[in-house]
Amino acid sequence: MNVWQVVGYKNSGKTTLMEKWVKIASSEGYRVGTIKHHGHGGEPERRYATTDSERHERAGAVCVSVEGGGLLQIHARQSSWSLAQILSFYQLLPLDFVLVEGYKSERYPKVVMVRNEED
C-alpha cells in the first residue's frame, strides 16, 4: 500500500493540501484513503449523538460499527492506536494509496508544511 504523509504545525495548510490532493486523485479515478491524527489531546469530535450505536458503546462495547447505503462507520476504543494498526484496517479496502495527516515520527514519504522560518 502506498502511504504518504503531510506533517507540520497547526494552521500550516496540511488539511488544505490533503483536500486538494484527494480531489485531484479521485477525479483521475484513484481510490484514496485518508487518516487524520487528532493531535489536540482528548477524543475527536463525534458525529453521532443519541443513536443505537452510541447506546451500544455506552453499554460497554469497545468496537461499534454501523453500515447503511454502502457506508461503514467504525468506532473502536483502546488506549491508543498506532498508524500501523489503522493501516491494517485500510488493507481490507481497494485503495490505490493512503494520505496521512500527522503522525510526524512515522517513516513514510512525507511533505513538511511550514508557515515561516521558525517552523
N, C-alpha and C. Protein backbone atom coordinates (compact mmCIF):
# COMPACT_ATOMS: atom_id res chain seq x y z
N MET A 1 0.85 -1.18 0.00
CA MET A 1 0.00 0.00 0.00
C MET A 1 0.89 1.24 0.00
N ASN A 2 0.61 2.15 -0.87
CA ASN A 2 1.35 3.41 -0.94
C ASN A 2 0.81 4.37 0.12
N VAL A 3 1.70 4.84 0.98
CA VAL A 3 1.32 5.74 2.06
C VAL A 3 2.19 6.99 1.96
N TRP A 4 1.55 8.15 2.02
CA TRP A 4 2.24 9.44 2.01
C TRP A 4 1.73 10.26 3.18
N GLN A 5 2.62 11.01 3.81
CA GLN A 5 2.26 11.83 4.96
C GLN A 5 2.37 13.32 4.64
N VAL A 6 1.51 14.09 5.30
CA VAL A 6 1.60 15.54 5.31
C VAL A 6 1.71 15.94 6.78
N VAL A 7 2.81 16.61 7.14
CA VAL A 7 3.04 16.98 8.53
C VAL A 7 3.37 18.47 8.63
N GLY A 8 3.20 19.02 9.81
CA GLY A 8 3.51 20.43 10.05
C GLY A 8 2.73 20.93 11.24
N TYR A 9 3.03 22.15 11.63
CA TYR A 9 2.34 22.76 12.77
C TYR A 9 0.90 23.09 12.41
N LYS A 10 0.09 23.36 13.43
CA LYS A 10 -1.30 23.75 13.26
C LYS A 10 -1.39 24.98 12.35
N ASN A 11 -2.40 24.99 11.49
CA ASN A 11 -2.67 26.10 10.56
C ASN A 11 -1.56 26.31 9.54
N SER A 12 -0.85 25.24 9.19
CA SER A 12 0.21 25.37 8.18
C SER A 12 -0.28 24.98 6.79
N GLY A 13 -1.54 24.55 6.67
CA GLY A 13 -2.09 24.20 5.37
C GLY A 13 -2.17 22.71 5.09
N LYS A 14 -1.96 21.88 6.09
CA LYS A 14 -1.96 20.42 5.90
C LYS A 14 -3.30 19.93 5.34
N THR A 15 -4.38 20.30 5.99
CA THR A 15 -5.70 19.82 5.57
C THR A 15 -6.06 20.34 4.19
N THR A 16 -5.72 21.58 3.90
CA THR A 16 -6.00 22.15 2.58
C THR A 16 -5.26 21.37 1.50
N LEU A 17 -3.99 21.07 1.73
CA LEU A 17 -3.22 20.29 0.76
C LEU A 17 -3.81 18.89 0.59
N MET A 18 -4.14 18.24 1.70
CA MET A 18 -4.73 16.90 1.63
C MET A 18 -6.02 16.93 0.81
N GLU A 19 -6.87 17.91 1.09
CA GLU A 19 -8.14 18.04 0.39
C GLU A 19 -7.93 18.19 -1.12
N LYS A 20 -6.96 19.03 -1.50
CA LYS A 20 -6.68 19.23 -2.93
C LYS A 20 -6.16 17.96 -3.58
N TRP A 21 -5.24 17.26 -2.89
CA TRP A 21 -4.71 16.01 -3.44
C TRP A 21 -5.81 14.97 -3.62
N VAL A 22 -6.69 14.85 -2.64
CA VAL A 22 -7.78 13.88 -2.73
C VAL A 22 -8.70 14.22 -3.89
N LYS A 23 -9.04 15.50 -4.04
CA LYS A 23 -9.91 15.93 -5.15
C LYS A 23 -9.30 15.58 -6.50
N ILE A 24 -8.02 15.93 -6.66
CA ILE A 24 -7.34 15.68 -7.94
C ILE A 24 -7.24 14.19 -8.20
N ALA A 25 -6.76 13.43 -7.23
CA ALA A 25 -6.56 11.99 -7.41
C ALA A 25 -7.88 11.28 -7.69
N SER A 26 -8.92 11.62 -6.94
CA SER A 26 -10.20 10.94 -7.14
C SER A 26 -10.82 11.32 -8.49
N SER A 27 -10.59 12.55 -8.94
CA SER A 27 -11.11 12.93 -10.26
C SER A 27 -10.38 12.20 -11.38
N GLU A 28 -9.17 11.70 -11.10
CA GLU A 28 -8.40 10.92 -12.07
C GLU A 28 -8.69 9.42 -11.94
N GLY A 29 -9.61 9.05 -11.06
CA GLY A 29 -10.00 7.66 -10.91
C GLY A 29 -9.27 6.87 -9.84
N TYR A 30 -8.40 7.52 -9.08
CA TYR A 30 -7.70 6.82 -8.00
C TYR A 30 -8.62 6.69 -6.78
N ARG A 31 -8.45 5.60 -6.07
CA ARG A 31 -9.19 5.37 -4.82
C ARG A 31 -8.25 5.73 -3.67
N VAL A 32 -8.62 6.79 -2.95
CA VAL A 32 -7.74 7.36 -1.93
C VAL A 32 -8.36 7.17 -0.55
N GLY A 33 -7.54 6.76 0.40
CA GLY A 33 -7.94 6.74 1.80
C GLY A 33 -7.18 7.83 2.53
N THR A 34 -7.76 8.36 3.59
CA THR A 34 -7.06 9.36 4.40
C THR A 34 -7.13 8.96 5.87
N ILE A 35 -6.12 9.39 6.60
CA ILE A 35 -6.06 9.20 8.05
C ILE A 35 -5.64 10.53 8.64
N LYS A 36 -6.36 10.98 9.64
CA LYS A 36 -6.05 12.24 10.32
C LYS A 36 -5.71 11.93 11.77
N HIS A 37 -4.52 12.35 12.21
CA HIS A 37 -4.15 12.19 13.61
C HIS A 37 -4.69 13.39 14.38
N HIS A 38 -5.48 13.12 15.39
CA HIS A 38 -6.06 14.18 16.23
C HIS A 38 -5.05 14.51 17.32
N GLY A 39 -4.20 15.47 17.06
CA GLY A 39 -3.10 15.77 17.96
C GLY A 39 -3.41 16.84 18.99
N HIS A 40 -4.68 17.08 19.26
CA HIS A 40 -5.05 18.17 20.17
C HIS A 40 -5.39 17.66 21.57
N GLY A 41 -5.15 16.40 21.85
CA GLY A 41 -5.50 15.83 23.14
C GLY A 41 -6.97 15.50 23.22
N GLY A 42 -7.30 14.47 23.93
CA GLY A 42 -8.69 14.07 24.06
C GLY A 42 -9.19 13.34 22.83
N GLU A 43 -10.48 13.04 22.84
CA GLU A 43 -11.09 12.30 21.75
C GLU A 43 -11.49 13.24 20.61
N PRO A 44 -11.52 12.71 19.39
CA PRO A 44 -12.04 13.51 18.27
C PRO A 44 -13.53 13.80 18.48
N GLU A 45 -14.00 14.83 17.83
CA GLU A 45 -15.42 15.17 17.89
C GLU A 45 -16.24 14.03 17.30
N ARG A 46 -17.36 13.74 17.93
CA ARG A 46 -18.22 12.66 17.44
C ARG A 46 -19.34 13.22 16.59
N ARG A 47 -19.76 12.44 15.61
CA ARG A 47 -20.83 12.88 14.72
C ARG A 47 -22.18 12.31 15.12
N TYR A 48 -22.19 11.30 15.94
CA TYR A 48 -23.47 10.74 16.32
C TYR A 48 -23.79 11.15 17.75
N ALA A 49 -25.05 11.36 18.03
CA ALA A 49 -25.43 11.82 19.36
C ALA A 49 -26.16 10.70 20.10
N THR A 50 -27.44 10.64 19.96
CA THR A 50 -28.22 9.63 20.67
C THR A 50 -28.69 8.57 19.69
N THR A 51 -27.77 7.76 19.23
CA THR A 51 -28.08 6.71 18.27
C THR A 51 -27.97 5.35 18.95
N ASP A 52 -28.47 4.34 18.26
CA ASP A 52 -28.36 2.98 18.79
C ASP A 52 -26.90 2.60 18.99
N SER A 53 -26.03 2.98 18.05
CA SER A 53 -24.62 2.61 18.18
C SER A 53 -23.98 3.29 19.39
N GLU A 54 -24.39 4.51 19.69
CA GLU A 54 -23.87 5.17 20.89
C GLU A 54 -24.35 4.43 22.14
N ARG A 55 -25.56 3.95 22.12
CA ARG A 55 -26.07 3.18 23.25
C ARG A 55 -25.26 1.91 23.44
N HIS A 56 -24.87 1.27 22.34
CA HIS A 56 -24.03 0.07 22.42
C HIS A 56 -22.70 0.42 23.11
N GLU A 57 -22.10 1.54 22.69
CA GLU A 57 -20.81 1.94 23.26
C GLU A 57 -20.95 2.27 24.74
N ARG A 58 -21.97 3.02 25.09
CA ARG A 58 -22.18 3.37 26.50
C ARG A 58 -22.41 2.13 27.36
N ALA A 59 -22.97 1.08 26.75
CA ALA A 59 -23.21 -0.16 27.48
C ALA A 59 -21.92 -0.95 27.70
N GLY A 60 -20.85 -0.57 26.98
CA GLY A 60 -19.57 -1.22 27.22
C GLY A 60 -18.89 -1.82 26.00
N ALA A 61 -19.51 -1.73 24.82
CA ALA A 61 -18.87 -2.26 23.61
C ALA A 61 -17.61 -1.46 23.30
N VAL A 62 -16.50 -2.14 23.02
CA VAL A 62 -15.26 -1.44 22.69
C VAL A 62 -15.11 -1.22 21.19
N CYS A 63 -15.95 -1.86 20.41
CA CYS A 63 -15.96 -1.63 18.96
C CYS A 63 -17.41 -1.62 18.50
N VAL A 64 -17.79 -0.53 17.83
CA VAL A 64 -19.15 -0.36 17.36
C VAL A 64 -19.09 0.00 15.88
N SER A 65 -19.90 -0.63 15.07
CA SER A 65 -19.95 -0.25 13.66
C SER A 65 -21.39 -0.10 13.22
N VAL A 66 -21.58 0.75 12.24
CA VAL A 66 -22.88 0.99 11.64
C VAL A 66 -22.67 0.95 10.13
N GLU A 67 -23.52 0.21 9.43
CA GLU A 67 -23.42 0.14 7.98
C GLU A 67 -24.78 0.46 7.40
N GLY A 68 -24.78 1.22 6.32
CA GLY A 68 -26.00 1.51 5.60
C GLY A 68 -25.69 2.24 4.31
N GLY A 69 -26.33 1.85 3.23
CA GLY A 69 -26.14 2.52 1.95
C GLY A 69 -24.71 2.48 1.45
N GLY A 70 -23.97 1.45 1.83
CA GLY A 70 -22.58 1.33 1.38
C GLY A 70 -21.57 2.08 2.23
N LEU A 71 -22.03 2.76 3.28
CA LEU A 71 -21.12 3.49 4.17
C LEU A 71 -20.95 2.70 5.46
N LEU A 72 -19.70 2.48 5.86
CA LEU A 72 -19.38 1.79 7.10
C LEU A 72 -18.67 2.75 8.04
N GLN A 73 -19.21 2.92 9.23
CA GLN A 73 -18.57 3.72 10.27
C GLN A 73 -18.13 2.77 11.37
N ILE A 74 -16.88 2.92 11.80
CA ILE A 74 -16.36 2.08 12.88
C ILE A 74 -15.82 2.98 13.98
N HIS A 75 -16.25 2.73 15.18
CA HIS A 75 -15.70 3.41 16.36
C HIS A 75 -15.11 2.31 17.22
N ALA A 76 -13.79 2.33 17.40
CA ALA A 76 -13.11 1.29 18.17
C ALA A 76 -12.27 1.95 19.25
N ARG A 77 -12.36 1.42 20.45
CA ARG A 77 -11.68 2.03 21.59
C ARG A 77 -10.60 1.11 22.13
N GLN A 78 -9.42 1.69 22.31
CA GLN A 78 -8.34 1.10 23.08
C GLN A 78 -7.49 2.25 23.59
N SER A 79 -6.46 1.98 24.36
CA SER A 79 -5.71 3.08 24.99
C SER A 79 -5.12 4.03 23.96
N SER A 80 -4.63 3.52 22.85
CA SER A 80 -4.15 4.36 21.75
C SER A 80 -4.06 3.50 20.50
N TRP A 81 -3.96 4.15 19.35
CA TRP A 81 -3.87 3.47 18.06
C TRP A 81 -2.61 3.91 17.35
N SER A 82 -1.81 2.95 16.93
CA SER A 82 -0.64 3.29 16.11
C SER A 82 -1.08 3.43 14.66
N LEU A 83 -0.28 4.12 13.89
CA LEU A 83 -0.58 4.25 12.47
C LEU A 83 -0.61 2.87 11.81
N ALA A 84 0.29 1.98 12.19
CA ALA A 84 0.33 0.63 11.62
C ALA A 84 -0.98 -0.11 11.88
N GLN A 85 -1.54 0.03 13.06
CA GLN A 85 -2.82 -0.62 13.37
C GLN A 85 -3.94 -0.08 12.50
N ILE A 86 -3.97 1.23 12.32
CA ILE A 86 -5.02 1.84 11.50
C ILE A 86 -4.85 1.41 10.04
N LEU A 87 -3.61 1.40 9.57
CA LEU A 87 -3.36 0.98 8.19
C LEU A 87 -3.75 -0.47 7.96
N SER A 88 -3.69 -1.30 8.99
CA SER A 88 -4.11 -2.70 8.82
C SER A 88 -5.59 -2.78 8.48
N PHE A 89 -6.41 -1.88 9.01
CA PHE A 89 -7.82 -1.81 8.60
C PHE A 89 -7.92 -1.42 7.13
N TYR A 90 -7.12 -0.45 6.73
CA TYR A 90 -7.17 0.05 5.36
C TYR A 90 -6.74 -1.01 4.35
N GLN A 91 -5.94 -1.99 4.78
CA GLN A 91 -5.51 -3.07 3.89
C GLN A 91 -6.71 -3.85 3.35
N LEU A 92 -7.82 -3.82 4.06
CA LEU A 92 -9.02 -4.54 3.65
C LEU A 92 -9.75 -3.86 2.50
N LEU A 93 -9.38 -2.64 2.18
CA LEU A 93 -10.10 -1.84 1.19
C LEU A 93 -9.32 -1.75 -0.11
N PRO A 94 -10.01 -1.62 -1.24
CA PRO A 94 -9.33 -1.50 -2.54
C PRO A 94 -8.84 -0.07 -2.78
N LEU A 95 -7.77 0.32 -2.10
CA LEU A 95 -7.24 1.68 -2.20
C LEU A 95 -5.99 1.70 -3.06
N ASP A 96 -5.82 2.78 -3.81
CA ASP A 96 -4.58 2.98 -4.56
C ASP A 96 -3.49 3.56 -3.66
N PHE A 97 -3.87 4.45 -2.76
CA PHE A 97 -2.92 4.99 -1.80
C PHE A 97 -3.65 5.62 -0.63
N VAL A 98 -2.88 5.87 0.43
CA VAL A 98 -3.42 6.48 1.64
C VAL A 98 -2.62 7.73 1.95
N LEU A 99 -3.32 8.82 2.22
CA LEU A 99 -2.69 10.07 2.65
C LEU A 99 -2.91 10.20 4.15
N VAL A 100 -1.84 10.48 4.87
CA VAL A 100 -1.89 10.57 6.33
C VAL A 100 -1.54 11.99 6.74
N GLU A 101 -2.43 12.60 7.51
CA GLU A 101 -2.16 13.93 8.06
C GLU A 101 -1.71 13.76 9.50
N GLY A 102 -0.44 14.04 9.74
CA GLY A 102 0.11 13.90 11.08
C GLY A 102 0.97 12.67 11.22
N TYR A 103 1.09 12.19 12.46
CA TYR A 103 1.99 11.07 12.80
C TYR A 103 3.41 11.40 12.37
N LYS A 104 3.90 12.55 12.80
CA LYS A 104 5.20 13.09 12.36
C LYS A 104 6.36 12.12 12.47
N SER A 105 6.37 11.27 13.50
CA SER A 105 7.53 10.41 13.72
C SER A 105 7.54 9.15 12.85
N GLU A 106 6.47 8.90 12.11
CA GLU A 106 6.44 7.73 11.23
C GLU A 106 7.39 7.92 10.06
N ARG A 107 7.78 6.83 9.42
CA ARG A 107 8.82 6.88 8.40
C ARG A 107 8.30 6.63 6.98
N TYR A 108 7.20 7.24 6.64
CA TYR A 108 6.70 7.17 5.26
C TYR A 108 7.15 8.43 4.53
N PRO A 109 7.15 8.39 3.20
CA PRO A 109 7.48 9.63 2.46
C PRO A 109 6.53 10.74 2.92
N LYS A 110 7.09 11.94 3.12
CA LYS A 110 6.24 13.00 3.65
C LYS A 110 6.55 14.35 3.06
N VAL A 111 5.53 15.19 3.13
CA VAL A 111 5.63 16.61 2.81
C VAL A 111 5.57 17.33 4.14
N VAL A 112 6.50 18.24 4.38
CA VAL A 112 6.52 19.02 5.62
C VAL A 112 6.04 20.43 5.28
N MET A 113 4.95 20.85 5.89
CA MET A 113 4.39 22.17 5.65
C MET A 113 4.99 23.15 6.66
N VAL A 114 5.43 24.31 6.16
CA VAL A 114 5.97 25.35 7.04
C VAL A 114 5.27 26.67 6.75
N ARG A 115 5.04 27.43 7.80
CA ARG A 115 4.42 28.75 7.68
C ARG A 115 5.46 29.84 7.53
N ASN A 116 6.59 29.64 8.25
CA ASN A 116 7.64 30.65 8.25
C ASN A 116 8.95 29.98 8.65
N GLU A 117 10.02 30.74 8.72
CA GLU A 117 11.34 30.18 9.02
C GLU A 117 11.42 29.55 10.40
N GLU A 118 10.62 30.02 11.36
CA GLU A 118 10.66 29.46 12.71
C GLU A 118 10.14 28.03 12.77
N ASP A 119 9.25 27.67 11.85
CA ASP A 119 8.70 26.31 11.81
C ASP A 119 9.81 25.34 11.48
